[in-house]
Amino acid sequence: EVERLAALWTTALEALGRLLGDPAAGGHTPGDFPLVQVDQPEIDALEARAPLADLLPLSPLQAGLYFLTGFGAEGDGPDVYTTQTV
């Protein structure tokens, strides 16, 4: 029984070793990005666009800019960051 367990363990380790050389194996999971709330489909969609190194939350300025884009969704709302002088 010990030999059988050792053989199964060796088989599992060899399979893991083969996966290490495969660039398509593995990938990021939500636990890799503790500073943001993101699920696996979102990570997969982001990685399809570009390789990920890290995901960070928006800075306060970025969050404010993002929030204010909702006021001018049609392009006809006021843009508080653009001024015009005469």
N, C-alpha and C. Protein backbone atom coordinates (compact mmCIF):
# COMPACT_ATOMS: atom_id res chain seq x y z
N GLU A 1 0.81 -1.18 0.00
CA GLU A 1 0.00 0.00 0.00
C GLU A 1 0.87 1.26 0.00
N VAL A 2 1.99 1.23 0.68
CA VAL A 2 2.88 2.38 0.72
C VAL A 2 3.48 2.62 -0.66
N GLU A 3 3.84 1.53 -1.37
CA GLU A 3 4.39 1.69 -2.72
C GLU A 3 3.37 2.31 -3.66
N ARG A 4 2.11 1.91 -3.51
CA ARG A 4 1.05 2.47 -4.37
C ARG A 4 0.88 3.97 -4.08
N LEU A 5 0.88 4.34 -2.81
CA LEU A 5 0.78 5.75 -2.44
C LEU A 5 1.97 6.54 -2.98
N ALA A 6 3.16 5.98 -2.88
CA ALA A 6 4.36 6.65 -3.39
C ALA A 6 4.28 6.81 -4.91
N ALA A 7 3.77 5.81 -5.60
CA ALA A 7 3.64 5.89 -7.06
C ALA A 7 2.63 6.96 -7.45
N LEU A 8 1.51 7.01 -6.74
CA LEU A 8 0.51 8.05 -7.03
C LEU A 8 1.06 9.44 -6.75
N TRP A 9 1.82 9.56 -5.66
CA TRP A 9 2.42 10.85 -5.31
C TRP A 9 3.42 11.27 -6.39
N THR A 10 4.22 10.34 -6.86
CA THR A 10 5.19 10.64 -7.92
C THR A 10 4.48 11.05 -9.20
N THR A 11 3.41 10.37 -9.54
CA THR A 11 2.63 10.72 -10.73
C THR A 11 2.07 12.13 -10.62
N ALA A 12 1.55 12.47 -9.44
CA ALA A 12 0.99 13.81 -9.24
C ALA A 12 2.08 14.87 -9.35
N LEU A 13 3.23 14.63 -8.77
CA LEU A 13 4.33 15.60 -8.85
C LEU A 13 4.84 15.77 -10.27
N GLU A 14 4.90 14.68 -11.02
CA GLU A 14 5.32 14.78 -12.43
C GLU A 14 4.32 15.60 -13.23
N ALA A 15 3.03 15.42 -12.96
CA ALA A 15 2.01 16.21 -13.66
C ALA A 15 2.15 17.69 -13.32
N LEU A 16 2.40 18.00 -12.07
CA LEU A 16 2.63 19.40 -11.69
C LEU A 16 3.87 19.96 -12.37
N GLY A 17 4.90 19.16 -12.48
CA GLY A 17 6.12 19.60 -13.16
C GLY A 17 5.87 19.92 -14.62
N ARG A 18 5.03 19.13 -15.27
CA ARG A 18 4.70 19.42 -16.67
C ARG A 18 3.92 20.72 -16.79
N LEU A 19 3.05 21.00 -15.85
CA LEU A 19 2.27 22.24 -15.89
C LEU A 19 3.14 23.47 -15.71
N LEU A 20 4.21 23.36 -14.97
CA LEU A 20 5.09 24.51 -14.76
C LEU A 20 5.67 25.04 -16.06
N GLY A 21 5.89 24.18 -17.01
CA GLY A 21 6.45 24.60 -18.29
C GLY A 21 5.41 25.08 -19.29
N ASP A 22 4.14 24.96 -18.96
CA ASP A 22 3.07 25.34 -19.87
C ASP A 22 2.60 26.76 -19.57
N PRO A 23 2.82 27.72 -20.49
CA PRO A 23 2.41 29.10 -20.21
C PRO A 23 0.90 29.28 -20.10
N ALA A 24 0.12 28.34 -20.64
CA ALA A 24 -1.33 28.46 -20.56
C ALA A 24 -1.89 27.92 -19.24
N ALA A 25 -1.07 27.26 -18.47
CA ALA A 25 -1.54 26.68 -17.21
C ALA A 25 -1.55 27.74 -16.11
N GLY A 26 -2.55 27.66 -15.29
CA GLY A 26 -2.62 28.58 -14.15
C GLY A 26 -3.09 29.96 -14.55
N GLY A 27 -2.74 30.91 -13.77
CA GLY A 27 -3.15 32.28 -14.01
C GLY A 27 -3.50 32.94 -12.69
N HIS A 28 -3.96 34.16 -12.78
CA HIS A 28 -4.31 34.89 -11.57
C HIS A 28 -5.68 34.47 -11.04
N THR A 29 -5.84 34.63 -9.76
CA THR A 29 -7.12 34.39 -9.09
C THR A 29 -7.47 35.63 -8.26
N PRO A 30 -8.70 35.76 -7.81
CA PRO A 30 -9.06 36.94 -7.01
C PRO A 30 -8.18 37.13 -5.77
N GLY A 31 -7.67 36.06 -5.21
CA GLY A 31 -6.79 36.17 -4.05
C GLY A 31 -5.46 36.83 -4.35
N ASP A 32 -5.09 36.91 -5.62
CA ASP A 32 -3.83 37.57 -6.00
C ASP A 32 -3.94 39.09 -5.93
N PHE A 33 -5.15 39.61 -5.81
CA PHE A 33 -5.36 41.06 -5.81
C PHE A 33 -6.18 41.46 -4.58
N PRO A 34 -5.56 41.47 -3.40
CA PRO A 34 -6.32 41.71 -2.17
C PRO A 34 -6.82 43.14 -1.99
N LEU A 35 -6.32 44.08 -2.75
CA LEU A 35 -6.71 45.48 -2.56
C LEU A 35 -7.98 45.86 -3.30
N VAL A 36 -8.45 44.99 -4.20
CA VAL A 36 -9.66 45.28 -4.97
C VAL A 36 -10.61 44.09 -4.89
N GLN A 37 -11.89 44.36 -5.09
CA GLN A 37 -12.88 43.28 -5.16
C GLN A 37 -13.11 42.96 -6.63
N VAL A 38 -12.64 41.80 -7.05
CA VAL A 38 -12.73 41.39 -8.44
C VAL A 38 -13.02 39.90 -8.47
N ASP A 39 -13.84 39.46 -9.44
CA ASP A 39 -14.12 38.04 -9.54
C ASP A 39 -13.35 37.44 -10.72
N GLN A 40 -13.39 36.13 -10.82
CA GLN A 40 -12.58 35.44 -11.82
C GLN A 40 -12.93 35.84 -13.25
N PRO A 41 -14.22 35.97 -13.62
CA PRO A 41 -14.51 36.41 -15.00
C PRO A 41 -13.93 37.78 -15.33
N GLU A 42 -13.93 38.69 -14.34
CA GLU A 42 -13.34 40.02 -14.58
C GLU A 42 -11.83 39.91 -14.80
N ILE A 43 -11.17 39.08 -14.01
CA ILE A 43 -9.73 38.89 -14.17
C ILE A 43 -9.44 38.30 -15.54
N ASP A 44 -10.21 37.30 -15.94
CA ASP A 44 -10.01 36.67 -17.25
C ASP A 44 -10.20 37.68 -18.38
N ALA A 45 -11.21 38.55 -18.25
CA ALA A 45 -11.45 39.56 -19.28
C ALA A 45 -10.30 40.56 -19.34
N LEU A 46 -9.79 40.97 -18.19
CA LEU A 46 -8.66 41.91 -18.17
C LEU A 46 -7.41 41.27 -18.76
N GLU A 47 -7.15 40.01 -18.41
CA GLU A 47 -5.96 39.33 -18.93
C GLU A 47 -6.06 39.07 -20.43
N ALA A 48 -7.28 38.99 -20.95
CA ALA A 48 -7.44 38.82 -22.40
C ALA A 48 -7.01 40.08 -23.14
N ARG A 49 -7.10 41.23 -22.46
CA ARG A 49 -6.72 42.51 -23.08
C ARG A 49 -5.22 42.78 -22.95
N ALA A 50 -4.64 42.43 -21.79
CA ALA A 50 -3.22 42.70 -21.54
C ALA A 50 -2.77 41.87 -20.34
N PRO A 51 -1.49 41.52 -20.28
CA PRO A 51 -1.00 40.78 -19.11
C PRO A 51 -1.13 41.62 -17.84
N LEU A 52 -1.51 40.98 -16.76
CA LEU A 52 -1.67 41.69 -15.49
C LEU A 52 -0.44 41.53 -14.61
N ALA A 53 -0.03 42.62 -13.98
CA ALA A 53 1.00 42.56 -12.96
C ALA A 53 0.36 42.76 -11.59
N ASP A 54 -0.58 43.70 -11.52
CA ASP A 54 -1.26 43.99 -10.26
C ASP A 54 -2.54 44.77 -10.56
N LEU A 55 -3.47 44.73 -9.65
CA LEU A 55 -4.69 45.54 -9.73
C LEU A 55 -4.76 46.38 -8.47
N LEU A 56 -4.95 47.67 -8.65
CA LEU A 56 -4.98 48.60 -7.52
C LEU A 56 -6.29 49.36 -7.52
N PRO A 57 -6.75 49.80 -6.35
CA PRO A 57 -7.97 50.61 -6.31
C PRO A 57 -7.70 52.00 -6.89
N LEU A 58 -8.78 52.68 -7.27
CA LEU A 58 -8.65 54.03 -7.79
C LEU A 58 -8.18 54.97 -6.68
N SER A 59 -7.38 55.95 -7.07
CA SER A 59 -7.01 57.00 -6.12
C SER A 59 -8.24 57.89 -5.91
N PRO A 60 -8.26 58.72 -4.88
CA PRO A 60 -9.42 59.60 -4.68
C PRO A 60 -9.71 60.48 -5.90
N LEU A 61 -8.68 61.01 -6.55
CA LEU A 61 -8.92 61.84 -7.73
C LEU A 61 -9.52 61.01 -8.86
N GLN A 62 -9.00 59.82 -9.09
CA GLN A 62 -9.54 58.96 -10.13
C GLN A 62 -10.99 58.58 -9.84
N ALA A 63 -11.28 58.28 -8.58
CA ALA A 63 -12.66 57.93 -8.21
C ALA A 63 -13.60 59.10 -8.46
N GLY A 64 -13.14 60.32 -8.15
CA GLY A 64 -13.97 61.49 -8.41
C GLY A 64 -14.21 61.72 -9.88
N LEU A 65 -13.17 61.57 -10.68
CA LEU A 65 -13.32 61.73 -12.13
C LEU A 65 -14.28 60.68 -12.69
N TYR A 66 -14.13 59.46 -12.23
CA TYR A 66 -15.01 58.39 -12.70
C TYR A 66 -16.46 58.68 -12.30
N PHE A 67 -16.66 59.13 -11.07
CA PHE A 67 -18.01 59.46 -10.60
C PHE A 67 -18.63 60.56 -11.45
N LEU A 68 -17.86 61.58 -11.77
CA LEU A 68 -18.39 62.72 -12.52
C LEU A 68 -18.69 62.39 -13.98
N THR A 69 -18.11 61.33 -14.51
CA THR A 69 -18.43 60.95 -15.89
C THR A 69 -19.89 60.54 -16.01
N GLY A 70 -20.51 60.12 -14.93
CA GLY A 70 -21.92 59.74 -14.96
C GLY A 70 -22.85 60.91 -15.17
N PHE A 71 -22.41 62.12 -14.89
CA PHE A 71 -23.26 63.29 -15.07
C PHE A 71 -23.37 63.69 -16.54
N GLY A 72 -22.40 63.34 -17.33
CA GLY A 72 -22.42 63.74 -18.74
C GLY A 72 -22.38 62.54 -19.65
N ALA A 73 -23.16 61.52 -19.35
CA ALA A 73 -23.13 60.28 -20.14
C ALA A 73 -23.53 60.51 -21.58
N GLU A 74 -24.40 61.47 -21.83
CA GLU A 74 -24.85 61.76 -23.19
C GLU A 74 -23.92 62.75 -23.89
N GLY A 75 -22.96 63.26 -23.17
CA GLY A 75 -22.08 64.26 -23.76
C GLY A 75 -22.63 65.67 -23.64
N ASP A 76 -23.82 65.81 -23.05
CA ASP A 76 -24.43 67.12 -22.93
C ASP A 76 -24.38 67.68 -21.51
N GLY A 77 -23.84 66.91 -20.57
CA GLY A 77 -23.75 67.37 -19.19
C GLY A 77 -22.54 68.28 -18.99
N PRO A 78 -22.51 68.96 -17.86
CA PRO A 78 -21.39 69.87 -17.60
C PRO A 78 -20.11 69.09 -17.35
N ASP A 79 -19.03 69.60 -17.85
CA ASP A 79 -17.71 69.02 -17.60
C ASP A 79 -17.01 69.94 -16.62
N VAL A 80 -16.95 69.53 -15.37
CA VAL A 80 -16.43 70.42 -14.34
C VAL A 80 -14.91 70.56 -14.40
N TYR A 81 -14.25 69.77 -15.22
CA TYR A 81 -12.80 69.85 -15.32
C TYR A 81 -12.34 70.61 -16.55
N THR A 82 -13.27 71.14 -17.33
CA THR A 82 -12.93 71.94 -18.50
C THR A 82 -13.50 73.34 -18.30
N THR A 83 -12.66 74.32 -18.43
CA THR A 83 -13.14 75.70 -18.32
C THR A 83 -12.86 76.43 -19.62
N GLN A 84 -13.65 77.42 -19.85
CA GLN A 84 -13.48 78.23 -21.05
C GLN A 84 -13.43 79.69 -20.61
N THR A 85 -12.39 80.36 -21.03
CA THR A 85 -12.28 81.78 -20.70
C THR A 85 -12.37 82.59 -21.96
N VAL A 86 -12.91 83.78 -21.81
CA VAL A 86 -13.09 84.66 -22.96
C VAL A 86 -12.23 85.88 -22.77
